């Protein structure tokens, strides 16, 4: 169950436009790329802060999960209580696809969706920002880009 960011859904964030004016010349690749870098940073920060960027944060790990993690070589007590961090693959494994009018940020691990949405046996620990947080994070990028376009600068 891989994660893919798409606008309007927690399964991912997709930044896309249906029409582009010829005035925008090179499209919107630069602000799209910048937006995806910001969101990827938000995801890493959210994991590092144990879900503190999410409303209500994440539930702590169960005692049985901590006990199981303690049996893994190289994981001491401090790391055993940290949700979602064993190898760092989920935190660090994000790929960006950027085009002139579209950008996609997707997880390279297949289990990210289980953490995002939870399962019958596992609490939900959302990794991705909700739509409002994603928009707030990238709004300055788009405001700057739009100001350049409207003042005749186009995309640099």
Protein backbone atom coordinates (compact mmCIF):
# COMPACT_ATOMS: atom_id res chain seq x y z
CA UNK A 1 0.00 0.00 0.00
CA UNK A 2 2.36 2.77 -1.19
CA UNK A 3 1.72 6.42 -0.40
CA UNK A 4 1.27 8.93 -3.17
CA UNK A 5 0.58 12.58 -2.39
CA UNK A 6 -2.36 14.01 -4.32
CA UNK A 7 -4.25 17.23 -3.67
CA UNK A 8 -7.48 16.60 -1.80
CA UNK A 9 -6.50 13.19 -0.47
CA UNK A 10 -4.36 11.80 2.30
CA UNK A 11 -2.91 9.27 -0.09
CA UNK A 12 -0.73 12.02 -1.45
CA UNK A 13 -0.21 15.54 -2.76
CA UNK A 14 -0.51 16.18 -6.48
CA UNK A 15 0.08 19.72 -7.66
CA UNK A 16 -1.52 20.09 -11.07
CA UNK A 17 -3.15 22.63 -13.35
CA UNK A 18 -5.54 22.06 -16.21
CA UNK A 19 -4.57 25.07 -18.30
CA UNK A 20 -1.38 27.05 -18.59
CA UNK A 21 -1.05 30.37 -20.30
CA UNK A 22 1.68 30.75 -22.88
CA UNK A 23 2.86 33.64 -20.70
CA UNK A 24 4.17 31.10 -18.16
CA UNK A 25 6.70 29.86 -20.74
CA UNK A 26 8.47 27.03 -18.93
CA UNK A 27 5.41 26.02 -16.99
CA UNK A 28 5.48 25.76 -13.25
CA UNK A 29 8.28 23.23 -12.70
CA UNK A 30 10.26 25.47 -10.33
CA UNK A 31 7.46 26.23 -7.83
CA UNK A 32 6.22 22.64 -8.09
CA UNK A 33 9.69 21.31 -7.25
CA UNK A 34 10.06 23.80 -4.39
CA UNK A 35 6.64 22.80 -3.04
CA UNK A 36 7.49 19.11 -3.10
CA UNK A 37 10.80 19.77 -1.31
CA UNK A 38 8.91 21.67 1.39
CA UNK A 39 6.35 18.88 1.82
CA UNK A 40 9.10 16.24 1.90
CA UNK A 41 10.81 18.27 4.65
CA UNK A 42 7.51 18.50 6.52
CA UNK A 43 7.15 14.72 6.39
CA UNK A 44 10.68 14.18 7.77
CA UNK A 45 10.07 16.76 10.50
CA UNK A 46 6.73 15.16 11.41
CA UNK A 47 8.38 11.74 11.80
CA UNK A 48 11.29 13.20 13.79
CA UNK A 49 8.82 14.94 16.12
CA UNK A 50 6.76 11.73 16.54
CA UNK A 51 3.69 13.11 14.83
CA UNK A 52 3.62 16.39 16.77
CA UNK A 53 2.82 18.28 13.55
CA UNK A 54 -0.46 16.39 13.28
CA UNK A 55 -3.59 17.37 15.21
CA UNK A 56 -3.48 15.40 18.45
CA UNK A 57 -0.10 13.84 17.59
CA UNK A 58 0.46 10.10 17.41
CA UNK A 59 -0.47 7.55 20.01
CA UNK A 60 2.54 6.09 21.84
CA UNK A 61 3.70 2.60 20.91
CA UNK A 62 2.23 -0.32 22.80
CA UNK A 63 4.45 -2.02 25.38
CA UNK A 64 4.48 -5.19 23.26
CA UNK A 65 5.78 -3.22 20.25
CA UNK A 66 8.55 -1.61 22.32
CA UNK A 67 9.53 -5.01 23.70
CA UNK A 68 9.70 -6.48 20.18
CA UNK A 69 11.77 -3.53 18.91
CA UNK A 70 14.20 -3.93 21.83
CA UNK A 71 15.07 -7.42 20.52
CA UNK A 72 16.31 -5.95 17.22
CA UNK A 73 20.12 -5.60 17.22
CA UNK A 74 21.26 -2.00 17.38
CA UNK A 75 17.98 -0.59 18.66
CA UNK A 76 18.31 0.63 22.21
CA UNK A 77 15.63 1.94 24.58
CA UNK A 78 15.66 5.47 23.12
CA UNK A 79 14.95 4.24 19.57
CA UNK A 80 12.56 1.50 20.67
CA UNK A 81 9.95 4.04 21.84
CA UNK A 82 10.07 6.06 18.61
CA UNK A 83 7.20 5.26 16.23
CA UNK A 84 7.93 4.73 12.52
CA UNK A 85 11.71 4.73 12.80
CA UNK A 86 13.59 1.48 12.47
CA UNK A 87 15.63 1.80 9.29
CA UNK A 88 14.67 5.31 8.15
CA UNK A 89 13.36 4.01 4.82
CA UNK A 90 9.89 5.52 5.29
CA UNK A 91 11.30 8.85 6.49
CA UNK A 92 13.90 9.13 3.72
CA UNK A 93 12.31 7.17 0.87
CA UNK A 94 10.38 9.77 -1.14
CA UNK A 95 10.65 10.33 -4.88
CA UNK A 96 9.69 13.50 -6.72
CA UNK A 97 8.33 13.57 -10.24
CA UNK A 98 8.19 17.10 -11.62
CA UNK A 99 6.82 18.23 -14.95
CA UNK A 100 5.93 21.66 -16.33
CA UNK A 101 2.39 21.49 -14.88
CA UNK A 102 2.39 18.61 -12.42
CA UNK A 103 4.32 17.25 -9.49
CA UNK A 104 4.05 14.05 -7.52
CA UNK A 105 5.71 13.08 -4.26
CA UNK A 106 5.50 9.37 -3.57
CA UNK A 107 6.77 7.01 -0.95
CA UNK A 108 9.24 4.38 -2.12
CA UNK A 109 8.17 1.92 0.58
CA UNK A 110 5.06 -0.18 0.18
CA UNK A 111 3.96 -0.08 3.83
CA UNK A 112 3.56 3.69 4.25
CA UNK A 113 -0.18 3.56 3.68
CA UNK A 114 -0.65 1.23 6.63
CA UNK A 115 0.92 3.81 8.93
CA UNK A 116 -0.99 6.67 7.32
CA UNK A 117 -4.40 5.03 7.61
CA UNK A 118 -3.85 2.47 10.37
CA UNK A 119 -5.03 -1.12 10.39
CA UNK A 120 -7.19 -3.29 12.59
CA UNK A 121 -4.15 -3.99 14.79
CA UNK A 122 -2.14 -0.79 14.36
CA UNK A 123 -3.00 2.78 15.33
CA UNK A 124 -3.13 5.40 12.60
CA UNK A 125 0.01 7.55 12.53
CA UNK A 126 -0.47 10.06 9.72
CA UNK A 127 2.75 10.93 7.93
CA UNK A 128 1.42 13.37 5.35
CA UNK A 129 0.15 16.88 6.02
CA UNK A 130 -3.56 17.41 5.61
CA UNK A 131 -4.65 19.64 2.76
CA UNK A 132 -4.77 22.85 4.84
CA UNK A 133 -1.26 22.31 6.26
CA UNK A 134 0.15 21.45 2.84
CA UNK A 135 -1.34 24.58 1.29
CA UNK A 136 -0.11 26.77 4.16
CA UNK A 137 3.40 25.32 3.83
CA UNK A 138 3.71 25.97 0.09
CA UNK A 139 1.65 29.16 -0.25
CA UNK A 140 4.68 31.50 -0.02
CA UNK A 141 6.33 29.67 -2.95
CA UNK A 142 3.27 30.11 -5.12
CA UNK A 143 2.71 33.74 -4.02
CA UNK A 144 6.28 34.61 -5.13
CA UNK A 145 5.91 32.74 -8.41
CA UNK A 146 2.56 34.36 -9.19
CA UNK A 147 3.92 37.83 -8.41
CA UNK A 148 6.78 37.24 -10.89
CA UNK A 149 4.39 35.99 -13.57
CA UNK A 150 1.94 38.86 -13.12
CA UNK A 151 4.74 41.41 -13.31
CA UNK A 152 5.91 40.02 -16.63
CA UNK A 153 8.87 38.05 -15.37
CA UNK A 154 7.51 34.61 -16.16
CA UNK A 155 9.34 31.71 -14.63
CA UNK A 156 13.08 32.13 -14.31
